[in-house]
N, C-alpha and C. Protein backbone atom coordinates (compact mmCIF):
# COMPACT_ATOMS: atom_id res chain seq x y z
N MET A 1 -13.27 -24.74 -34.96
CA MET A 1 -14.24 -24.10 -34.49
C MET A 1 -13.19 -22.43 -34.46
N ALA A 2 -13.51 -21.49 -35.42
CA ALA A 2 -12.62 -20.38 -35.17
C ALA A 2 -13.32 -19.55 -33.96
N ILE A 3 -12.31 -19.07 -33.38
CA ILE A 3 -12.32 -17.60 -32.48
C ILE A 3 -12.45 -16.42 -32.91
N ASP A 4 -13.63 -15.62 -32.68
CA ASP A 4 -13.51 -14.38 -33.18
C ASP A 4 -12.85 -13.35 -32.63
N MET A 5 -11.96 -12.59 -32.84
CA MET A 5 -11.11 -11.67 -32.06
C MET A 5 -11.63 -10.90 -31.72
N SER A 6 -12.77 -10.38 -32.23
CA SER A 6 -13.68 -8.88 -31.53
C SER A 6 -14.25 -9.45 -30.56
N SER A 7 -15.04 -10.73 -30.52
CA SER A 7 -15.48 -11.01 -28.82
C SER A 7 -14.82 -11.31 -27.83
N LEU A 8 -13.51 -11.72 -28.58
CA LEU A 8 -12.21 -11.95 -27.64
C LEU A 8 -12.19 -11.24 -26.84
N TRP A 9 -11.73 -10.04 -27.15
CA TRP A 9 -11.88 -8.57 -27.05
C TRP A 9 -12.72 -7.97 -26.03
N GLY A 10 -14.00 -8.25 -26.32
CA GLY A 10 -15.27 -7.92 -25.66
C GLY A 10 -15.45 -8.58 -24.51
N VAL A 11 -14.84 -9.62 -24.11
CA VAL A 11 -14.97 -10.42 -23.12
C VAL A 11 -13.49 -9.99 -22.34
N LEU A 12 -12.26 -10.08 -22.69
CA LEU A 12 -11.06 -9.53 -22.00
C LEU A 12 -11.39 -7.98 -21.34
N THR A 13 -12.10 -7.10 -22.29
CA THR A 13 -12.38 -5.72 -21.72
C THR A 13 -13.07 -5.85 -20.35
N ILE A 14 -14.36 -6.75 -20.09
CA ILE A 14 -15.14 -6.93 -19.07
C ILE A 14 -14.65 -7.98 -17.85
N VAL A 15 -14.06 -8.88 -18.35
CA VAL A 15 -13.78 -9.97 -17.05
C VAL A 15 -12.13 -9.00 -16.92
N GLY A 16 -11.10 -8.78 -17.66
CA GLY A 16 -10.09 -7.96 -17.17
C GLY A 16 -10.08 -7.23 -16.16
N PRO A 17 -10.75 -6.23 -15.98
CA PRO A 17 -10.86 -5.08 -14.77
C PRO A 17 -11.83 -5.80 -13.30
N ILE A 18 -12.30 -6.55 -13.64
CA ILE A 18 -13.22 -7.36 -12.71
C ILE A 18 -11.88 -8.45 -12.07
N VAL A 19 -11.10 -8.82 -13.21
CA VAL A 19 -9.85 -9.80 -12.20
C VAL A 19 -8.66 -9.14 -11.83
N LEU A 20 -8.26 -7.67 -12.11
CA LEU A 20 -7.80 -6.41 -11.77
C LEU A 20 -8.18 -6.53 -10.36
N LEU A 21 -9.59 -6.04 -10.05
CA LEU A 21 -10.23 -5.57 -9.17
C LEU A 21 -9.69 -6.32 -8.04
N ILE A 22 -10.35 -7.65 -8.22
CA ILE A 22 -9.92 -8.49 -7.11
C ILE A 22 -8.83 -8.66 -6.89
N ALA A 23 -7.89 -8.72 -7.48
CA ALA A 23 -6.26 -9.13 -7.07
C ALA A 23 -6.24 -7.48 -6.31
N ILE A 24 -6.42 -6.73 -6.40
CA ILE A 24 -5.87 -4.99 -5.65
C ILE A 24 -6.51 -5.58 -4.48
N LEU A 25 -8.06 -6.10 -4.33
CA LEU A 25 -8.50 -6.19 -3.02
C LEU A 25 -7.72 -7.28 -2.19
N TRP A 26 -7.37 -8.39 -2.84
CA TRP A 26 -6.57 -9.56 -1.83
C TRP A 26 -5.24 -8.86 -1.51
N ALA A 27 -4.46 -7.96 -2.61
CA ALA A 27 -3.63 -7.51 -2.05
C ALA A 27 -3.78 -6.63 -0.66
N MET A 28 -4.86 -5.48 -0.67
CA MET A 28 -5.02 -5.05 0.22
C MET A 28 -5.08 -5.78 1.58
N ARG A 29 -5.81 -6.76 1.56
CA ARG A 29 -6.47 -7.70 2.49
C ARG A 29 -5.37 -8.40 3.31
N HIS A 30 -4.49 -8.68 2.41
CA HIS A 30 -3.25 -9.54 2.61
C HIS A 30 -1.97 -8.85 2.89
N ASN A 31 -1.95 -7.51 2.89
CA ASN A 31 -0.91 -6.79 3.31
C ASN A 31 -0.98 -5.98 4.32
N ARG A 32 -1.88 -6.07 5.04
CA ARG A 32 -2.06 -5.47 6.49
C ARG A 32 -0.84 -6.04 7.39
N GLY A 33 -0.42 -5.27 8.56
CA GLY A 33 0.32 -5.52 9.46
C GLY A 33 -0.53 -5.95 10.38
N THR A 34 0.15 -6.54 11.62
CA THR A 34 -0.33 -7.11 13.04
C THR A 34 -0.62 -5.91 13.94
N LYS A 35 -1.05 -6.13 15.15
CA LYS A 35 -1.42 -4.69 15.56
C LYS A 35 0.11 -4.24 16.28
N HIS A 36 0.75 -5.43 16.54
CA HIS A 36 2.21 -5.52 17.18
C HIS A 36 2.90 -4.58 16.10
N ASP A 37 2.93 -4.59 14.97
CA ASP A 37 3.90 -4.36 13.92
C ASP A 37 3.44 -2.91 13.84
N ILE A 38 2.33 -2.62 13.86
CA ILE A 38 1.89 -0.96 14.04
C ILE A 38 1.87 -0.07 15.03
N GLU A 39 1.98 -0.90 16.09
CA GLU A 39 2.65 0.18 17.02
C GLU A 39 3.85 0.01 17.38
N ARG A 40 4.74 -0.72 16.90
CA ARG A 40 6.00 -0.66 17.12
C ARG A 40 6.36 0.43 16.02
N THR A 41 5.82 0.54 14.63
CA THR A 41 6.51 1.72 13.95
C THR A 41 5.66 2.82 14.21
N GLU A 42 4.38 3.15 14.90
CA GLU A 42 4.16 4.37 15.37
C GLU A 42 5.10 4.95 16.67
N ALA A 43 5.41 3.78 17.62
CA ALA A 43 6.57 4.21 18.44
C ALA A 43 7.81 4.67 17.79
N ALA A 44 8.56 4.13 16.82
CA ALA A 44 9.47 4.06 16.09
C ALA A 44 9.79 5.82 15.38
N THR A 45 8.40 5.93 15.47
CA THR A 45 8.24 7.29 14.36
C THR A 45 8.09 8.65 15.18
N HIS A 46 7.52 8.22 16.56
CA HIS A 46 7.51 9.13 17.46
C HIS A 46 8.76 9.60 17.79
N ARG A 47 9.75 8.53 18.26
CA ARG A 47 10.90 8.64 18.71
C ARG A 47 11.97 9.73 17.71
N MET A 48 11.80 9.26 16.49
CA MET A 48 12.51 9.75 15.89
C MET A 48 12.10 11.11 15.15
N TYR A 49 10.70 11.34 15.46
CA TYR A 49 10.32 13.29 15.28
C TYR A 49 10.92 13.71 16.79
N ASP A 50 10.69 12.94 18.08
CA ASP A 50 11.64 13.68 19.24
C ASP A 50 12.85 14.09 19.04
N GLU A 51 13.82 12.74 18.34
CA GLU A 51 15.03 12.96 18.18
C GLU A 51 15.23 14.21 17.59
N GLN A 52 14.57 14.33 16.71
CA GLN A 52 14.99 15.38 15.61
C GLN A 52 14.37 17.20 15.90
N ASP A 53 13.60 16.70 16.60
CA ASP A 53 13.18 18.14 17.60
C ASP A 53 13.99 18.68 18.45
N ARG A 54 14.92 17.40 19.34
CA ARG A 54 15.94 17.73 20.00
C ARG A 54 17.21 18.14 19.31
N ALA A 55 17.40 17.59 18.70
CA ALA A 55 18.75 18.38 17.47
C ALA A 55 18.37 19.73 16.92
N ASP A 56 16.94 19.66 16.24
CA ASP A 56 16.71 20.95 15.90
C ASP A 56 16.72 22.29 16.74
N LYS A 57 16.15 22.09 18.19
CA LYS A 57 16.48 22.90 19.36
C LYS A 57 18.00 23.18 19.55
N ALA A 58 18.64 21.83 19.46
CA ALA A 58 20.23 22.32 19.82
C ALA A 58 20.88 22.95 18.91
N ALA A 59 20.40 23.07 18.02
CA ALA A 59 21.19 23.63 16.85
C ALA A 59 21.07 25.07 16.49
N GLU A 60 19.51 25.34 17.21
CA GLU A 60 19.30 26.48 17.63
C GLU A 60 19.73 27.74 18.57
N HIS A 61 20.06 26.91 19.43
CA HIS A 61 20.78 27.48 20.71
C HIS A 61 22.45 27.49 20.75
N ARG A 62 23.00 27.71 19.35
CA ARG A 62 24.55 27.79 19.19
C ARG A 62 24.56 28.69 18.76
């Protein structure tokens, strides 16, 4: 039984994007951080901004 390459490409053209979409959705679903991780990141970001703001204000008064 010979496989017709044109029909194989047709199937891959349809199935390929579907598999890619499923893989992307799976990765997005499993790549979320926990609530604790997100809160810790937000707190660290706010501390970094506050430190930079203090450093900028100190540099202005020199």
